[in-house]
């Protein structure tokens, strides 16, 4: 089994309940997060991430990755 994160994930849109696919975003090697982002056909932005709790919360709220090094 691979330990690499999946390149895409699918969620239901919170606004229209349609399926929305989010894509793994490029990050630096020192980052402690695997951020995903996508846009639903209704225009709603969907963010998801795995990793450090504080960094994930910041990314989901703002779309920015805070480097803490």
Protein backbone atom coordinates (compact mmCIF):
# COMPACT_ATOMS: atom_id res chain seq x y z
CA UNK A 1 0.00 0.00 0.00
CA UNK A 2 1.29 3.45 -0.92
CA UNK A 3 1.83 6.10 1.74
CA UNK A 4 1.38 8.93 -0.79
CA UNK A 5 -1.77 11.03 -0.40
CA UNK A 6 -4.54 10.60 -2.95
CA UNK A 7 -4.45 13.20 -5.74
CA UNK A 8 -8.24 13.69 -5.69
CA UNK A 9 -11.05 13.31 -3.18
CA UNK A 10 -14.80 13.71 -3.65
CA UNK A 11 -17.21 15.41 -1.24
CA UNK A 12 -20.79 16.67 -1.31
CA UNK A 13 -21.11 20.42 -1.73
CA UNK A 14 -22.41 22.10 1.44
CA UNK A 15 -24.39 24.58 -0.67
CA UNK A 16 -26.09 22.46 -3.38
CA UNK A 17 -25.29 18.84 -2.27
CA UNK A 18 -23.79 17.90 -5.67
CA UNK A 19 -20.51 15.99 -5.77
CA UNK A 20 -17.42 18.18 -5.89
CA UNK A 21 -13.93 16.86 -6.57
CA UNK A 22 -10.98 18.44 -4.75
CA UNK A 23 -7.42 18.15 -6.01
CA UNK A 24 -4.17 17.83 -4.06
CA UNK A 25 -2.35 21.16 -4.16
CA UNK A 26 1.42 21.44 -4.59
CA UNK A 27 3.26 22.06 -1.33
CA UNK A 28 6.88 22.39 -0.30
CA UNK A 29 8.76 19.42 1.13
CA UNK A 30 8.87 21.04 4.60
CA UNK A 31 5.11 21.46 4.87
CA UNK A 32 3.15 19.43 7.41
CA UNK A 33 -0.09 19.47 5.45
CA UNK A 34 -1.65 17.91 2.36
CA UNK A 35 -4.09 20.57 1.15
CA UNK A 36 -6.92 19.89 -1.31
CA UNK A 37 -9.10 22.43 -3.09
CA UNK A 38 -11.83 22.37 -5.70
CA UNK A 39 -14.79 24.35 -6.97
CA UNK A 40 -18.30 22.96 -7.28
CA UNK A 41 -20.31 23.55 -10.46
CA UNK A 42 -22.45 25.96 -8.38
CA UNK A 43 -19.35 28.07 -7.68
CA UNK A 44 -18.82 27.07 -4.04
CA UNK A 45 -15.14 26.58 -3.08
CA UNK A 46 -14.42 23.37 -1.14
CA UNK A 47 -11.22 22.94 0.85
CA UNK A 48 -9.98 19.89 2.73
CA UNK A 49 -6.61 18.99 4.22
CA UNK A 50 -4.80 16.41 6.28
CA UNK A 51 -1.91 17.15 8.61
CA UNK A 52 -1.23 19.38 11.59
CA UNK A 53 -4.49 20.49 13.25
CA UNK A 54 -3.72 24.23 13.40
CA UNK A 55 -2.35 24.39 9.85
CA UNK A 56 -5.34 22.43 8.50
CA UNK A 57 -7.83 24.73 10.26
CA UNK A 58 -6.07 27.80 8.86
CA UNK A 59 -6.04 26.40 5.32
CA UNK A 60 -9.71 25.39 5.37
CA UNK A 61 -10.68 28.85 6.66
CA UNK A 62 -8.46 30.99 4.43
CA UNK A 63 -7.02 28.90 1.58
CA UNK A 64 -3.51 29.91 2.67
CA UNK A 65 -0.83 27.64 4.11
CA UNK A 66 0.94 29.19 7.10
CA UNK A 67 4.56 28.12 7.29
CA UNK A 68 5.68 27.77 10.86
CA UNK A 69 9.40 27.11 10.38
